[in-house]
Amino acid sequence: MKRTLLTVLGTSLILGACGGDSLFDEPTQQVTTGSINPVNALTTARASWQAALTSGNFATIGRPVGLSAGTSAGFSKPGNGGIADGRLVNLLQKVPFGPDEFPCQTSGTVTISGDIADPTDPTRLSVNDTFRLVYAACNDGIGEVLDGTIDLTVGDFAGDLQAAAYMVSMDTIATNFQVSAGGDTTVSNGDTTVALDTMQTPLIDVGTSGSSMRVDSSSRSDVLSGFQSSQTVDGNVAPAPYTLTASGTLDSTLLDGVVRYSTIETFQGVGTEFPGQGRLRVQGDQSSLELVAIDNVNVDIEIDSNGDDVVDVTISTTWADISSG
């Protein structure tokens, strides 16, 4: 699972050089058993788009210690998480540290422990530094309540923590990590590598990747494998422009089989609006669809039911519809 910092950070600079239809290098083997047709295309497009967003949202996993790309309301985008209440700088001065319990903003707690190689320099982390975050009904006032355990291991680091200007990669493992929001609860188990670049804040670049993550809720169960995403947001401009690319294999109880989703045109938007441009291809077994942003309200789903590279049916709908359910 471990990846060096430079293979993930700056992804947006090298995506255009990748060959083929996808902006990501595709895995050697793709298992796609799903059948895509006009009847199930809307559900398939929804599930695939939401899986792409889910993989990007894993970037918030280190938020309690400030190692996070925090998101804002509406469409999820990276932002500089900063150092939460100075916790990380204070913790770095103890070896090993914790378990130390901290109150969350509204209610509940997060307990942090770990082992840092060099406590004498609170501005940086070292390779193989570890953190364990244990959430207990943690409500930080952003509409989510967190429970469960996250283990973080630093893979690479450069920059200055105190200045909140750094590049860091972290291998993470989620164990029964629950997020309750809007009356629903999701439970995640699996691995993710997060790479975050805040060196040019307020320009933020974040990447996520992983071999397998299972996300269960009351309405569905999704398994993402071989997934990766890249997000940027430029806070130098208001409203802030953002980009999103993502790929992965999705096995969902909502679908007839396994599909592979991949960005073939970078999604771009501004502020908290949905993307105004971009294209996501979803590949099934001798069938496919493409989710096409018409503007920041409307999308088309172009369906090729028999794999002859000819669009058989186009379904027009909205981003609000694609993001629901």
Protein backbone atom coordinates (compact mmCIF):
# COMPACT_ATOMS: atom_id res chain seq x y z
CA MET A 1 0.00 0.00 0.00
CA LYS A 2 2.82 2.44 0.77
CA ARG A 3 3.58 4.98 -1.93
CA THR A 4 6.27 7.66 -1.99
CA LEU A 5 5.17 11.25 -1.63
CA LEU A 6 6.01 12.34 -5.15
CA THR A 7 4.02 9.54 -6.80
CA VAL A 8 0.84 11.02 -5.36
CA LEU A 9 1.43 14.73 -4.82
CA GLY A 10 1.31 16.90 -7.89
CA THR A 11 -0.90 14.36 -9.61
CA SER A 12 -2.71 17.11 -11.45
CA LEU A 13 0.56 18.04 -13.18
CA ILE A 14 1.06 14.62 -14.76
CA LEU A 15 -2.48 13.50 -15.52
CA GLY A 16 -2.45 15.01 -18.97
CA ALA A 17 0.54 12.86 -19.89
CA CYS A 18 -1.24 9.56 -19.24
CA GLY A 19 -2.23 7.65 -22.35
CA GLY A 20 -5.50 5.97 -23.22
CA ASP A 21 -9.03 7.02 -22.35
CA SER A 22 -8.39 7.40 -18.63
CA LEU A 23 -6.53 10.13 -16.78
CA PHE A 24 -5.15 7.40 -14.51
CA ASP A 25 -2.99 4.41 -15.31
CA GLU A 26 -5.37 1.47 -15.34
CA PRO A 27 -4.61 -1.65 -13.29
CA THR A 28 -3.23 -4.67 -15.13
CA GLN A 29 -6.42 -6.65 -14.62
CA GLN A 30 -9.91 -5.18 -14.58
CA VAL A 31 -12.73 -7.41 -13.41
CA THR A 32 -15.95 -5.91 -14.79
CA THR A 33 -18.99 -8.18 -14.63
CA GLY A 34 -21.72 -5.56 -14.47
CA SER A 35 -24.25 -5.15 -17.25
CA ILE A 36 -25.11 -1.53 -18.05
CA ASN A 37 -28.36 -0.74 -19.87
CA PRO A 38 -30.97 2.04 -19.99
CA VAL A 39 -32.87 0.47 -17.10
CA ASN A 40 -29.99 0.48 -14.58
CA ALA A 41 -27.81 3.26 -16.02
CA LEU A 42 -29.06 5.97 -13.64
CA THR A 43 -28.38 3.80 -10.59
CA THR A 44 -24.97 2.81 -11.96
CA ALA A 45 -24.02 6.42 -12.66
CA ARG A 46 -25.12 7.49 -9.18
CA ALA A 47 -23.21 4.72 -7.42
CA SER A 48 -20.04 5.31 -9.45
CA TRP A 49 -20.06 9.08 -8.99
CA GLN A 50 -20.65 8.71 -5.26
CA ALA A 51 -17.82 6.16 -5.04
CA ALA A 52 -15.50 8.66 -6.72
CA LEU A 53 -16.45 11.31 -4.14
CA THR A 54 -16.10 8.83 -1.27
CA SER A 55 -12.51 8.02 -2.22
CA GLY A 56 -11.71 11.73 -2.23
CA ASN A 57 -13.38 12.26 1.15
CA PHE A 58 -10.89 9.84 2.74
CA ALA A 59 -8.52 12.86 2.68
CA THR A 60 -10.22 14.14 5.86
CA ILE A 61 -9.15 11.10 7.85
CA GLY A 62 -6.38 12.84 9.84
CA ARG A 63 -8.40 15.93 10.72
CA PRO A 64 -8.19 15.66 14.54
CA VAL A 65 -4.42 16.21 14.49
CA GLY A 66 -4.53 18.73 11.63
CA LEU A 67 -3.15 16.32 9.00
CA SER A 68 -6.17 16.69 6.80
CA ALA A 69 -7.67 18.24 3.74
CA GLY A 70 -10.80 19.58 5.36
CA THR A 71 -13.93 19.97 3.24
CA SER A 72 -16.47 22.74 3.06
CA ALA A 73 -20.23 22.63 2.76
CA GLY A 74 -21.80 21.49 -0.49
CA PHE A 75 -19.56 19.84 -3.04
CA SER A 76 -16.64 18.20 -1.23
CA LYS A 77 -13.26 19.81 -1.89
CA PRO A 78 -9.88 19.87 -0.15
CA GLY A 79 -8.77 22.67 2.11
CA ASN A 80 -5.99 23.26 4.59
CA GLY A 81 -6.99 21.54 7.83
CA GLY A 82 -4.35 23.42 9.80
CA ILE A 83 -3.25 22.11 13.19
CA ALA A 84 -6.33 21.39 15.27
CA ASP A 85 -6.14 23.49 18.45
CA GLY A 86 -2.34 23.08 18.45
CA ARG A 87 -2.77 19.42 19.41
CA LEU A 88 -0.17 18.02 17.05
CA VAL A 89 2.63 20.41 18.04
CA ASN A 90 1.97 19.71 21.72
CA LEU A 91 1.82 15.96 21.24
CA LEU A 92 5.08 15.87 19.29
CA GLN A 93 6.96 16.85 22.42
CA LYS A 94 6.21 13.50 24.11
CA VAL A 95 7.60 10.08 23.11
CA PRO A 96 5.56 8.00 23.08
CA PHE A 97 2.48 10.14 23.62
CA GLY A 98 -1.03 9.33 24.72
CA PRO A 99 -3.49 8.11 25.04
CA ASP A 100 -4.64 11.72 25.47
CA GLU A 101 -8.36 12.44 25.34
CA PHE A 102 -9.63 15.66 23.74
CA PRO A 103 -13.19 17.01 23.69
CA CYS A 104 -14.72 17.46 20.26
CA GLN A 105 -16.10 20.86 19.30
CA THR A 106 -19.74 20.10 20.15
CA SER A 107 -19.77 16.79 22.01
CA GLY A 108 -17.94 13.47 22.33
CA THR A 109 -14.20 12.87 22.38
CA VAL A 110 -11.24 11.80 20.28
CA THR A 111 -8.38 9.95 21.98
CA ILE A 112 -4.97 10.33 20.33
CA SER A 113 -1.85 8.25 20.90
CA GLY A 114 1.26 7.51 18.90
CA ASP A 115 5.01 7.33 18.61
CA ILE A 116 7.19 10.08 17.13
CA ALA A 117 10.86 9.56 16.25
CA ASP A 118 12.03 13.13 16.91
CA PRO A 119 10.19 15.10 19.63
CA THR A 120 12.82 17.86 19.60
CA ASP A 121 11.54 19.42 16.39
CA PRO A 122 7.80 20.25 16.52
CA THR A 123 7.89 21.57 12.95
CA ARG A 124 8.17 18.21 11.23
CA LEU A 125 7.31 14.53 11.17
CA SER A 126 9.49 11.53 10.33
CA VAL A 127 8.97 8.43 8.25
CA ASN A 128 7.13 5.74 10.26
CA ASP A 129 5.79 8.15 12.88
CA THR A 130 2.46 6.72 14.00
CA PHE A 131 -0.85 8.03 15.31
CA ARG A 132 -3.95 6.25 16.57
CA LEU A 133 -7.24 8.18 16.65
CA VAL A 134 -10.14 6.67 18.58
CA TYR A 135 -13.42 8.52 18.13
CA ALA A 136 -16.29 8.28 20.63
CA ALA A 137 -19.46 10.06 19.44
CA CYS A 138 -17.23 12.91 18.25
CA ASN A 139 -19.21 15.88 16.95
CA ASP A 140 -17.04 18.72 15.68
CA GLY A 141 -19.98 20.86 14.68
CA ILE A 142 -19.79 20.21 10.92
CA GLY A 143 -22.81 17.94 10.69
CA GLU A 144 -21.03 14.63 11.30
CA VAL A 145 -20.65 12.36 14.33
CA LEU A 146 -17.63 10.03 14.28
CA ASP A 147 -16.95 6.72 16.01
CA GLY A 148 -14.26 4.10 15.50
CA THR A 149 -10.51 3.87 15.03
CA ILE A 150 -8.04 5.30 12.51
CA ASP A 151 -4.35 4.29 12.46
CA LEU A 152 -1.94 6.62 10.62
CA THR A 153 1.67 5.92 9.59
CA VAL A 154 3.73 8.70 8.02
CA GLY A 155 5.26 7.67 4.71
CA ASP A 156 7.02 10.93 3.84
CA PHE A 157 7.19 14.53 5.03
CA ALA A 158 8.60 17.89 3.95
CA GLY A 159 7.90 21.42 5.16
CA ASP A 160 6.85 23.08 8.42
CA LEU A 161 3.93 21.93 10.58
CA GLN A 162 3.82 25.12 12.62
CA ALA A 163 3.51 27.20 9.47
CA ALA A 164 0.85 24.80 8.13
CA ALA A 165 2.92 24.56 4.93
CA TYR A 166 3.97 20.99 4.26
CA MET A 167 3.76 17.91 2.07
CA VAL A 168 2.87 14.69 3.85
CA SER A 169 1.86 11.18 2.85
CA MET A 170 0.17 8.86 5.33
CA ASP A 171 -0.84 5.22 5.16
CA THR A 172 -4.10 4.80 7.08
CA ILE A 173 -6.24 1.91 8.25
CA ALA A 174 -9.89 2.43 9.19
CA THR A 175 -11.44 -0.02 11.67
CA ASN A 176 -15.22 0.22 12.10
CA PHE A 177 -14.96 3.94 11.34
CA GLN A 178 -18.51 5.30 11.54
CA VAL A 179 -19.73 8.60 10.15
CA SER A 180 -23.30 9.60 11.05
CA ALA A 181 -24.79 12.48 9.10
CA GLY A 182 -28.22 13.42 7.80
CA GLY A 183 -29.92 10.48 9.48
CA ASP A 184 -27.63 7.88 7.90
CA THR A 185 -24.54 6.08 9.20
CA THR A 186 -21.70 4.70 7.09
CA VAL A 187 -19.12 2.25 8.42
CA SER A 188 -15.73 2.00 6.72
CA ASN A 189 -13.10 -0.72 6.99
CA GLY A 190 -9.95 -0.79 4.89
CA ASP A 191 -6.84 1.10 3.83
CA THR A 192 -6.11 4.45 2.26
CA THR A 193 -2.96 6.40 1.45
CA VAL A 194 -3.44 10.16 1.76
CA ALA A 195 -1.00 12.68 0.28
CA LEU A 196 -1.50 16.35 1.10
CA ASP A 197 0.36 19.39 -0.25
CA THR A 198 -0.27 22.72 1.50
CA MET A 199 3.07 24.29 0.55
CA GLN A 200 1.34 26.91 -1.61
CA THR A 201 -1.68 27.51 0.61
CA PRO A 202 -4.36 28.61 -0.20
CA LEU A 203 -3.66 26.42 -3.26
CA ILE A 204 -4.23 22.87 -1.98
CA ASP A 205 -3.41 19.58 -3.73
CA VAL A 206 -4.50 16.27 -2.23
CA GLY A 207 -4.45 12.68 -3.44
CA THR A 208 -5.88 9.46 -2.05
CA SER A 209 -5.35 5.85 -3.08
CA GLY A 210 -6.03 2.42 -1.64
CA SER A 211 -6.20 -1.27 -2.32
CA SER A 212 -9.55 -1.95 -0.63
CA MET A 213 -12.17 -0.09 1.39
CA ARG A 214 -15.60 -1.40 2.37
CA VAL A 215 -18.28 1.19 3.13
CA ASP A 216 -21.58 -0.05 4.58
CA SER A 217 -24.77 1.89 5.27
CA SER A 218 -28.40 1.06 5.93
CA SER A 219 -29.21 1.19 2.22
CA ARG A 220 -26.12 -0.26 0.52
CA SER A 221 -22.73 -1.90 0.80
CA ASP A 222 -19.86 -0.76 -1.44
CA VAL A 223 -16.39 -2.22 -1.86
CA LEU A 224 -13.88 0.10 -3.56
CA SER A 225 -10.67 -1.51 -4.77
CA GLY A 226 -7.66 -0.19 -6.66
CA PHE A 227 -9.00 3.32 -6.14
CA GLN A 228 -7.34 6.71 -6.38
CA SER A 229 -8.35 10.34 -6.60
CA SER A 230 -6.79 13.76 -6.98
CA GLN A 231 -8.33 17.06 -5.93
CA THR A 232 -7.13 20.65 -6.09
CA VAL A 233 -8.67 23.90 -4.89
CA ASP A 234 -7.28 27.38 -5.49
CA GLY A 235 -8.19 29.62 -2.58
CA ASN A 236 -6.45 32.57 -4.25
CA VAL A 237 -9.65 33.17 -6.20
CA ALA A 238 -13.20 33.68 -4.91
CA PRO A 239 -15.21 31.57 -5.43
CA ALA A 240 -12.41 29.01 -5.37
CA PRO A 241 -11.94 26.91 -8.54
CA TYR A 242 -11.49 23.18 -7.96
CA THR A 243 -10.69 20.03 -9.93
CA LEU A 244 -11.43 16.35 -9.33
CA THR A 245 -10.22 13.15 -10.98
CA ALA A 246 -10.89 9.63 -9.72
CA SER A 247 -10.77 5.98 -10.70
CA GLY A 248 -11.47 2.63 -9.08
CA THR A 249 -13.34 -0.65 -9.17
CA LEU A 250 -16.76 -0.71 -7.51
CA ASP A 251 -18.66 -3.74 -6.22
CA SER A 252 -21.96 -2.47 -4.83
CA THR A 253 -25.18 -4.09 -3.68
CA LEU A 254 -26.93 -1.46 -5.82
CA LEU A 255 -25.43 -2.86 -9.03
CA ASP A 256 -25.85 -5.99 -11.13
CA GLY A 257 -22.10 -6.66 -11.00
CA VAL A 258 -18.66 -5.10 -10.71
CA VAL A 259 -17.86 -1.93 -12.68
CA ARG A 260 -14.76 0.18 -13.23
CA TYR A 261 -15.11 4.00 -13.10
CA SER A 262 -12.48 6.43 -14.34
CA THR A 263 -12.30 10.13 -15.16
CA ILE A 264 -11.63 10.71 -18.85
CA GLU A 265 -12.05 14.48 -18.61
CA THR A 266 -11.13 16.33 -15.41
CA PHE A 267 -14.12 17.62 -13.45
CA GLN A 268 -13.90 21.37 -12.81
CA GLY A 269 -16.07 23.77 -10.88
CA VAL A 270 -16.08 26.75 -8.53
CA GLY A 271 -17.05 27.33 -4.93
CA THR A 272 -19.55 24.83 -3.54
CA GLU A 273 -21.22 24.31 -6.92
CA PHE A 274 -21.28 21.00 -8.75
CA PRO A 275 -18.78 20.63 -11.61
CA GLY A 276 -19.49 22.61 -14.74
CA GLN A 277 -17.40 20.31 -16.91
CA GLY A 278 -15.92 16.81 -16.79
CA ARG A 279 -16.64 13.26 -17.87
CA LEU A 280 -16.64 9.94 -15.97
CA ARG A 281 -16.57 6.62 -17.83
CA VAL A 282 -18.09 3.54 -16.18
CA GLN A 283 -17.11 0.24 -17.76
CA GLY A 284 -19.13 -2.94 -17.34
CA ASP A 285 -18.98 -6.29 -19.12
CA GLN A 286 -19.23 -5.35 -22.82
CA SER A 287 -21.25 -2.29 -21.88
CA SER A 288 -20.50 1.17 -20.55
CA LEU A 289 -21.79 4.62 -19.80
CA GLU A 290 -20.32 8.09 -19.61
CA LEU A 291 -21.48 10.68 -17.09
CA VAL A 292 -21.07 14.07 -18.76
CA ALA A 293 -21.28 17.45 -17.00
CA ILE A 294 -23.36 19.78 -19.17
CA ASP A 295 -23.11 22.61 -16.64
CA ASN A 296 -23.16 22.89 -12.85
CA VAL A 297 -26.84 21.83 -12.75
CA ASN A 298 -27.36 19.34 -15.57
CA VAL A 299 -25.69 16.09 -16.63
CA ASP A 300 -26.14 13.55 -19.40
CA ILE A 301 -25.69 9.78 -19.12
CA GLU A 302 -24.59 8.34 -22.46
CA ILE A 303 -25.22 4.58 -22.59
CA ASP A 304 -23.49 2.00 -24.79
CA SER A 305 -25.36 -1.21 -23.98
CA ASN A 306 -23.49 -3.58 -26.34
CA GLY A 307 -19.91 -2.34 -26.35
CA ASP A 308 -19.82 -1.13 -29.96
CA ASP A 309 -18.69 2.39 -28.94
CA VAL A 310 -21.97 3.85 -30.18
CA VAL A 311 -24.27 5.72 -27.80
CA ASP A 312 -27.58 3.86 -27.77
CA VAL A 313 -29.52 6.02 -25.32
CA THR A 314 -28.86 9.35 -23.56
CA ILE A 315 -30.53 10.12 -20.23
CA SER A 316 -30.63 13.78 -19.18
CA THR A 317 -30.84 14.51 -15.47
CA THR A 318 -29.32 16.78 -12.82
CA TRP A 319 -26.32 16.75 -10.49
CA ALA A 320 -28.77 16.84 -7.55
CA ASP A 321 -30.30 13.60 -8.81
CA ILE A 322 -26.92 11.92 -9.41
CA SER A 323 -25.80 12.86 -5.89
CA SER A 324 -28.94 11.56 -4.17
CA GLY A 325 -29.90 8.06 -3.06
